[in-house]
Amino acid sequence: MRLHLRGELAKLMALTTTWVMFIAPTTASAQDHVVPLAEVERAVHSKAEARTKSIEDIDRVLSLPAATKELQRVKVTQSQVHAAVSSLSDEELARLAERARDAEQEVQGGLIVGILAIIGAIVVIVIILGILFH
């Protein structure tokens, strides 16, 4: 009986050693790489908010009289522009929104450069429309 007990004890120790050496470290290191769900949700929500703000800023700038006039001149509708803008990547959208905000500030300051910048932004959007819809 003692011999049988020693064999069972040896098996138990071997299993415990195997678990400690191989399974436990894997579990611990896997937990180090797990991102809390709340953090992932915050990141997704933040990106979505930034994208929405960029689209709203571009739409606002393109509704300025100078931009509207230029859109009519090149026969592009607001809905076409909105569709093209919505298809941009986050990075492209952020860059275009930054240009639009800069142009808006220049227009509000009375500078003709702001109007030219808006027209430049419209030309970029028209090119995007041409690529996407043709």
N, C-alpha and C. Protein backbone atom coordinates (compact mmCIF):
# COMPACT_ATOMS: atom_id res chain seq x y z
N MET A 1 0.81 -1.19 0.00
CA MET A 1 0.00 0.00 0.00
C MET A 1 0.86 1.26 0.00
N ARG A 2 1.93 1.24 0.77
CA ARG A 2 2.82 2.39 0.80
C ARG A 2 3.44 2.65 -0.57
N LEU A 3 3.78 1.59 -1.27
CA LEU A 3 4.36 1.72 -2.58
C LEU A 3 3.35 2.34 -3.56
N HIS A 4 2.13 1.90 -3.45
CA HIS A 4 1.06 2.45 -4.30
C HIS A 4 0.84 3.93 -4.00
N LEU A 5 0.87 4.30 -2.72
CA LEU A 5 0.69 5.70 -2.30
C LEU A 5 1.83 6.56 -2.81
N ARG A 6 3.06 6.04 -2.77
CA ARG A 6 4.21 6.79 -3.26
C ARG A 6 4.09 7.02 -4.78
N GLY A 7 3.60 6.02 -5.50
CA GLY A 7 3.41 6.16 -6.95
C GLY A 7 2.37 7.23 -7.27
N GLU A 8 1.28 7.24 -6.51
CA GLU A 8 0.24 8.26 -6.71
C GLU A 8 0.78 9.64 -6.36
N LEU A 9 1.56 9.72 -5.29
CA LEU A 9 2.15 10.99 -4.88
C LEU A 9 3.12 11.49 -5.95
N ALA A 10 3.88 10.58 -6.52
CA ALA A 10 4.83 10.95 -7.58
C ALA A 10 4.08 11.49 -8.81
N LYS A 11 2.98 10.84 -9.17
CA LYS A 11 2.17 11.30 -10.30
C LYS A 11 1.61 12.70 -10.02
N LEU A 12 1.11 12.88 -8.80
CA LEU A 12 0.55 14.18 -8.43
C LEU A 12 1.61 15.27 -8.49
N MET A 13 2.79 14.98 -8.01
CA MET A 13 3.88 15.96 -8.04
C MET A 13 4.29 16.26 -9.49
N ALA A 14 4.32 15.23 -10.32
CA ALA A 14 4.68 15.43 -11.73
C ALA A 14 3.65 16.32 -12.42
N LEU A 15 2.36 16.06 -12.15
CA LEU A 15 1.31 16.89 -12.73
C LEU A 15 1.39 18.33 -12.23
N THR A 16 1.63 18.48 -10.95
CA THR A 16 1.74 19.83 -10.37
C THR A 16 2.93 20.57 -10.97
N THR A 17 4.04 19.89 -11.08
CA THR A 17 5.24 20.52 -11.66
C THR A 17 4.98 20.93 -13.11
N THR A 18 4.35 20.05 -13.87
CA THR A 18 4.03 20.36 -15.26
C THR A 18 3.10 21.57 -15.34
N TRP A 19 2.11 21.60 -14.48
CA TRP A 19 1.18 22.71 -14.48
C TRP A 19 1.89 24.02 -14.15
N VAL A 20 2.75 23.99 -13.12
CA VAL A 20 3.46 25.20 -12.71
C VAL A 20 4.41 25.66 -13.80
N MET A 21 5.07 24.72 -14.48
CA MET A 21 6.07 25.10 -15.48
C MET A 21 5.46 25.58 -16.80
N PHE A 22 4.37 24.96 -17.20
CA PHE A 22 3.86 25.24 -18.55
C PHE A 22 2.52 25.97 -18.59
N ILE A 23 1.60 25.59 -17.81
CA ILE A 23 0.25 26.15 -17.90
C ILE A 23 0.12 27.45 -17.13
N ALA A 24 0.60 27.53 -15.93
CA ALA A 24 0.46 28.74 -15.11
C ALA A 24 1.13 29.96 -15.74
N PRO A 25 2.37 29.86 -16.25
CA PRO A 25 2.98 31.05 -16.87
C PRO A 25 2.21 31.53 -18.10
N THR A 26 1.66 30.61 -18.87
CA THR A 26 0.88 31.00 -20.05
C THR A 26 -0.35 31.78 -19.64
N THR A 27 -1.03 31.33 -18.62
CA THR A 27 -2.22 32.02 -18.13
C THR A 27 -1.86 33.41 -17.62
N ALA A 28 -0.77 33.50 -16.89
CA ALA A 28 -0.36 34.79 -16.33
C ALA A 28 0.03 35.76 -17.44
N SER A 29 0.80 35.29 -18.44
CA SER A 29 1.21 36.21 -19.50
C SER A 29 0.03 36.58 -20.40
N ALA A 30 -0.92 35.68 -20.57
CA ALA A 30 -2.11 36.01 -21.36
C ALA A 30 -2.91 37.10 -20.67
N GLN A 31 -2.97 37.08 -19.37
CA GLN A 31 -3.71 38.10 -18.65
C GLN A 31 -3.03 39.46 -18.77
N ASP A 32 -1.72 39.48 -18.94
CA ASP A 32 -1.01 40.74 -19.12
C ASP A 32 -1.40 41.43 -20.42
N HIS A 33 -1.86 40.68 -21.41
CA HIS A 33 -2.17 41.23 -22.72
C HIS A 33 -3.66 41.48 -22.94
N VAL A 34 -4.46 41.20 -21.97
CA VAL A 34 -5.90 41.40 -22.11
C VAL A 34 -6.22 42.87 -21.85
N VAL A 35 -6.94 43.48 -22.79
CA VAL A 35 -7.36 44.87 -22.64
C VAL A 35 -8.78 44.87 -22.08
N PRO A 36 -9.00 45.62 -21.02
CA PRO A 36 -10.36 45.65 -20.46
C PRO A 36 -11.37 46.14 -21.50
N LEU A 37 -12.54 45.55 -21.48
CA LEU A 37 -13.59 45.87 -22.44
C LEU A 37 -13.96 47.36 -22.38
N ALA A 38 -13.98 47.92 -21.19
CA ALA A 38 -14.32 49.34 -21.05
C ALA A 38 -13.31 50.22 -21.79
N GLU A 39 -12.05 49.82 -21.77
CA GLU A 39 -11.01 50.60 -22.46
C GLU A 39 -11.18 50.50 -23.98
N VAL A 40 -11.52 49.31 -24.45
CA VAL A 40 -11.78 49.13 -25.89
C VAL A 40 -12.98 49.95 -26.31
N GLU A 41 -14.05 49.92 -25.52
CA GLU A 41 -15.26 50.70 -25.84
C GLU A 41 -14.96 52.19 -25.86
N ARG A 42 -14.15 52.67 -24.91
CA ARG A 42 -13.78 54.10 -24.89
C ARG A 42 -13.01 54.47 -26.15
N ALA A 43 -12.09 53.62 -26.56
CA ALA A 43 -11.30 53.91 -27.75
C ALA A 43 -12.17 53.96 -29.00
N VAL A 44 -13.08 53.00 -29.13
CA VAL A 44 -13.98 52.97 -30.29
C VAL A 44 -14.89 54.18 -30.29
N HIS A 45 -15.43 54.51 -29.12
CA HIS A 45 -16.33 55.67 -29.00
C HIS A 45 -15.58 56.96 -29.33
N SER A 46 -14.35 57.08 -28.86
CA SER A 46 -13.55 58.27 -29.13
C SER A 46 -13.28 58.43 -30.62
N LYS A 47 -12.94 57.33 -31.29
CA LYS A 47 -12.70 57.39 -32.74
C LYS A 47 -13.97 57.77 -33.49
N ALA A 48 -15.09 57.20 -33.07
CA ALA A 48 -16.36 57.50 -33.73
C ALA A 48 -16.73 58.97 -33.54
N GLU A 49 -16.50 59.50 -32.34
CA GLU A 49 -16.79 60.92 -32.09
C GLU A 49 -15.90 61.81 -32.93
N ALA A 50 -14.62 61.47 -33.02
CA ALA A 50 -13.69 62.29 -33.81
C ALA A 50 -14.10 62.27 -35.29
N ARG A 51 -14.49 61.12 -35.79
CA ARG A 51 -14.92 61.01 -37.19
C ARG A 51 -16.18 61.84 -37.43
N THR A 52 -17.15 61.73 -36.52
CA THR A 52 -18.40 62.50 -36.65
C THR A 52 -18.11 63.99 -36.63
N LYS A 53 -17.23 64.43 -35.73
CA LYS A 53 -16.89 65.86 -35.64
C LYS A 53 -16.21 66.32 -36.93
N SER A 54 -15.33 65.52 -37.48
CA SER A 54 -14.65 65.89 -38.72
C SER A 54 -15.65 66.04 -39.86
N ILE A 55 -16.58 65.11 -39.98
CA ILE A 55 -17.59 65.19 -41.04
C ILE A 55 -18.46 66.43 -40.84
N GLU A 56 -18.86 66.69 -39.60
CA GLU A 56 -19.68 67.88 -39.33
C GLU A 56 -18.92 69.16 -39.67
N ASP A 57 -17.63 69.22 -39.33
CA ASP A 57 -16.83 70.41 -39.64
C ASP A 57 -16.72 70.63 -41.14
N ILE A 58 -16.49 69.56 -41.89
CA ILE A 58 -16.39 69.68 -43.35
C ILE A 58 -17.73 70.11 -43.93
N ASP A 59 -18.81 69.50 -43.47
CA ASP A 59 -20.15 69.88 -43.96
C ASP A 59 -20.44 71.35 -43.67
N ARG A 60 -20.07 71.81 -42.48
CA ARG A 60 -20.31 73.21 -42.10
C ARG A 60 -19.54 74.15 -43.02
N VAL A 61 -18.27 73.82 -43.27
CA VAL A 61 -17.45 74.69 -44.13
C VAL A 61 -17.98 74.67 -45.56
N LEU A 62 -18.40 73.50 -46.02
CA LEU A 62 -18.89 73.42 -47.40
C LEU A 62 -20.27 74.06 -47.57
N SER A 63 -20.90 74.42 -46.46
CA SER A 63 -22.18 75.12 -46.57
C SER A 63 -21.99 76.64 -46.55
N LEU A 64 -20.76 77.11 -46.42
CA LEU A 64 -20.50 78.55 -46.51
C LEU A 64 -20.83 79.02 -47.93
N PRO A 65 -21.27 80.27 -48.06
CA PRO A 65 -21.68 80.76 -49.38
C PRO A 65 -20.62 80.59 -50.48
N ALA A 66 -19.36 80.87 -50.18
CA ALA A 66 -18.31 80.74 -51.20
C ALA A 66 -18.17 79.29 -51.64
N ALA A 67 -18.25 78.36 -50.70
CA ALA A 67 -18.12 76.95 -51.03
C ALA A 67 -19.34 76.45 -51.79
N THR A 68 -20.52 76.87 -51.37
CA THR A 68 -21.75 76.48 -52.05
C THR A 68 -21.73 76.95 -53.49
N LYS A 69 -21.29 78.18 -53.69
CA LYS A 69 -21.22 78.74 -55.04
C LYS A 69 -20.25 77.93 -55.90
N GLU A 70 -19.11 77.56 -55.33
CA GLU A 70 -18.13 76.78 -56.09
C GLU A 70 -18.66 75.38 -56.40
N LEU A 71 -19.36 74.78 -55.44
CA LEU A 71 -19.95 73.46 -55.69
C LEU A 71 -20.95 73.53 -56.85
N GLN A 72 -21.77 74.58 -56.86
CA GLN A 72 -22.73 74.74 -57.96
C GLN A 72 -22.01 74.94 -59.29
N ARG A 73 -20.93 75.67 -59.25
CA ARG A 73 -20.17 75.94 -60.47
C ARG A 73 -19.62 74.66 -61.09
N VAL A 74 -19.13 73.74 -60.23
CA VAL A 74 -18.57 72.49 -60.75
C VAL A 74 -19.60 71.37 -60.83
N LYS A 75 -20.88 71.74 -60.57
CA LYS A 75 -22.02 70.82 -60.67
C LYS A 75 -21.87 69.58 -59.78
N VAL A 76 -21.54 69.84 -58.52
CA VAL A 76 -21.43 68.78 -57.52
C VAL A 76 -22.42 69.11 -56.41
N THR A 77 -23.20 68.11 -56.00
CA THR A 77 -24.19 68.33 -54.94
C THR A 77 -23.59 68.06 -53.56
N GLN A 78 -24.25 68.62 -52.55
CA GLN A 78 -23.82 68.37 -51.17
C GLN A 78 -23.87 66.87 -50.85
N SER A 79 -24.88 66.17 -51.36
CA SER A 79 -24.99 64.74 -51.06
C SER A 79 -23.84 63.96 -51.70
N GLN A 80 -23.39 64.35 -52.87
CA GLN A 80 -22.24 63.69 -53.49
C GLN A 80 -20.98 63.93 -52.66
N VAL A 81 -20.82 65.17 -52.22
CA VAL A 81 -19.66 65.51 -51.39
C VAL A 81 -19.71 64.72 -50.09
N HIS A 82 -20.89 64.67 -49.47
CA HIS A 82 -21.04 63.95 -48.21
C HIS A 82 -20.71 62.46 -48.39
N ALA A 83 -21.15 61.88 -49.49
CA ALA A 83 -20.86 60.46 -49.76
C ALA A 83 -19.36 60.24 -49.92
N ALA A 84 -18.71 61.14 -50.63
CA ALA A 84 -17.26 61.01 -50.83
C ALA A 84 -16.50 61.20 -49.52
N VAL A 85 -16.90 62.19 -48.75
CA VAL A 85 -16.24 62.46 -47.47
C VAL A 85 -16.42 61.28 -46.53
N SER A 86 -17.60 60.69 -46.51
CA SER A 86 -17.87 59.56 -45.62
C SER A 86 -17.03 58.34 -45.96
N SER A 87 -16.59 58.25 -47.20
CA SER A 87 -15.80 57.08 -47.61
C SER A 87 -14.31 57.22 -47.34
N LEU A 88 -13.88 58.39 -46.86
CA LEU A 88 -12.46 58.60 -46.57
C LEU A 88 -12.05 57.80 -45.33
N SER A 89 -10.77 57.46 -45.28
CA SER A 89 -10.24 56.80 -44.08
C SER A 89 -10.22 57.83 -42.95
N ASP A 90 -10.04 57.36 -41.73
CA ASP A 90 -10.00 58.26 -40.58
C ASP A 90 -8.89 59.31 -40.73
N GLU A 91 -7.73 58.89 -41.21
CA GLU A 91 -6.60 59.80 -41.36
C GLU A 91 -6.87 60.84 -42.45
N GLU A 92 -7.39 60.39 -43.59
CA GLU A 92 -7.70 61.31 -44.68
C GLU A 92 -8.77 62.31 -44.25
N LEU A 93 -9.76 61.81 -43.56
CA LEU A 93 -10.85 62.65 -43.08
C LEU A 93 -10.34 63.69 -42.10
N ALA A 94 -9.48 63.29 -41.19
CA ALA A 94 -8.92 64.23 -40.20
C ALA A 94 -8.11 65.32 -40.89
N ARG A 95 -7.32 64.95 -41.90
CA ARG A 95 -6.53 65.96 -42.63
C ARG A 95 -7.43 66.94 -43.37
N LEU A 96 -8.45 66.42 -44.05
CA LEU A 96 -9.36 67.30 -44.78
C LEU A 96 -10.14 68.20 -43.83
N ALA A 97 -10.56 67.66 -42.70
CA ALA A 97 -11.28 68.47 -41.71
C ALA A 97 -10.39 69.58 -41.16
N GLU A 98 -9.14 69.28 -40.94
CA GLU A 98 -8.20 70.30 -40.45
C GLU A 98 -8.06 71.41 -41.49
N ARG A 99 -7.94 71.03 -42.75
CA ARG A 99 -7.85 72.04 -43.82
C ARG A 99 -9.12 72.88 -43.87
N ALA A 100 -10.27 72.23 -43.72
CA ALA A 100 -11.55 72.94 -43.76
C ALA A 100 -11.66 73.92 -42.59
N ARG A 101 -11.25 73.48 -41.38
CA ARG A 101 -11.31 74.38 -40.21
C ARG A 101 -10.39 75.58 -40.40
N ASP A 102 -9.18 75.33 -40.94
CA ASP A 102 -8.26 76.44 -41.21
C ASP A 102 -8.86 77.42 -42.21
N ALA A 103 -9.47 76.89 -43.27
CA ALA A 103 -10.08 77.74 -44.29
C ALA A 103 -11.23 78.54 -43.70
N GLU A 104 -12.01 77.91 -42.83
CA GLU A 104 -13.13 78.60 -42.21
C GLU A 104 -12.65 79.79 -41.37
N GLN A 105 -11.57 79.60 -40.63
CA GLN A 105 -11.03 80.69 -39.81
C GLN A 105 -10.52 81.82 -40.69
N GLU A 106 -9.91 81.48 -41.80
CA GLU A 106 -9.42 82.51 -42.70
C GLU A 106 -10.56 83.29 -43.34
N VAL A 107 -11.62 82.59 -43.72
CA VAL A 107 -12.78 83.26 -44.30
C VAL A 107 -13.41 84.18 -43.26
N GLN A 108 -13.54 83.72 -42.04
CA GLN A 108 -14.12 84.56 -40.98
C GLN A 108 -13.24 85.76 -40.68
N GLY A 109 -11.94 85.62 -40.93
CA GLY A 109 -11.02 86.74 -40.75
C GLY A 109 -11.00 87.67 -41.95
N GLY A 110 -11.76 87.34 -43.00
CA GLY A 110 -11.85 88.21 -44.17
C GLY A 110 -10.77 87.98 -45.20
N LEU A 111 -10.02 86.93 -45.08
CA LEU A 111 -8.94 86.68 -46.03
C LEU A 111 -9.44 85.91 -47.24
N ILE A 112 -9.03 86.33 -48.40
CA ILE A 112 -9.38 85.64 -49.63
C ILE A 112 -8.71 84.28 -49.69
N VAL A 113 -7.60 84.14 -48.97
CA VAL A 113 -6.88 82.86 -48.95
C VAL A 113 -7.80 81.77 -48.41
N GLY A 114 -8.65 82.10 -47.45
CA GLY A 114 -9.58 81.12 -46.90
C GLY A 114 -10.53 80.60 -47.95
N ILE A 115 -11.02 81.50 -48.78
CA ILE A 115 -11.92 81.08 -49.86
C ILE A 115 -11.18 80.18 -50.85
N LEU A 116 -9.95 80.55 -51.16
CA LEU A 116 -9.16 79.71 -52.07
C LEU A 116 -8.90 78.34 -51.46
N ALA A 117 -8.67 78.30 -50.16
CA ALA A 117 -8.45 77.01 -49.49
C ALA A 117 -9.71 76.15 -49.54
N ILE A 118 -10.86 76.78 -49.35
CA ILE A 118 -12.12 76.03 -49.44
C ILE A 118 -12.29 75.47 -50.85
N ILE A 119 -12.01 76.31 -51.86
CA ILE A 119 -12.12 75.84 -53.24
C ILE A 119 -11.14 74.69 -53.47
N GLY A 120 -9.95 74.78 -52.91
CA GLY A 120 -8.98 73.68 -53.02
C GLY A 120 -9.52 72.41 -52.40
N ALA A 121 -10.15 72.55 -51.24
CA ALA A 121 -10.74 71.37 -50.58
C ALA A 121 -11.85 70.78 -51.44
N ILE A 122 -12.64 71.65 -52.06
CA ILE A 122 -13.72 71.17 -52.93
C ILE A 122 -13.14 70.43 -54.12
N VAL A 123 -12.06 70.95 -54.69
CA VAL A 123 -11.43 70.27 -55.83
C VAL A 123 -10.96 68.88 -55.42
N VAL A 124 -10.38 68.77 -54.23
CA VAL A 124 -9.95 67.45 -53.74
C VAL A 124 -11.15 66.52 -53.63
N ILE A 125 -12.24 67.02 -53.10
CA ILE A 125 -13.44 66.19 -52.96
C ILE A 125 -14.00 65.80 -54.33
N VAL A 126 -13.97 66.73 -55.27
CA VAL A 126 -14.47 66.42 -56.63
C VAL A 126 -13.60 65.32 -57.25
N ILE A 127 -12.31 65.38 -57.03
CA ILE A 127 -11.42 64.34 -57.56
C ILE A 127 -11.77 63.00 -56.92
N ILE A 128 -12.00 63.02 -55.61
CA ILE A 128 -12.39 61.79 -54.91
C ILE A 128 -13.70 61.26 -55.48
N LEU A 129 -14.66 62.16 -55.71
CA LEU A 129 -15.93 61.75 -56.30
C LEU A 129 -15.71 61.10 -57.66
N GLY A 130 -14.85 61.69 -58.44
CA GLY A 130 -14.57 61.14 -59.76
C GLY A 130 -14.00 59.74 -59.68
N ILE A 131 -13.12 59.51 -58.74
CA ILE A 131 -12.52 58.19 -58.55
C ILE A 131 -13.54 57.20 -58.05
N LEU A 132 -14.36 57.61 -57.10
CA LEU A 132 -15.30 56.68 -56.49
C LEU A 132 -16.49 56.34 -57.38
N PHE A 133 -16.99 57.31 -58.11
CA PHE A 133 -18.24 57.10 -58.82
C PHE A 133 -18.07 56.90 -60.33
N HIS A 134 -16.85 56.81 -60.81
CA HIS A 134 -16.66 56.56 -62.26
C HIS A 134 -15.81 55.37 -62.49
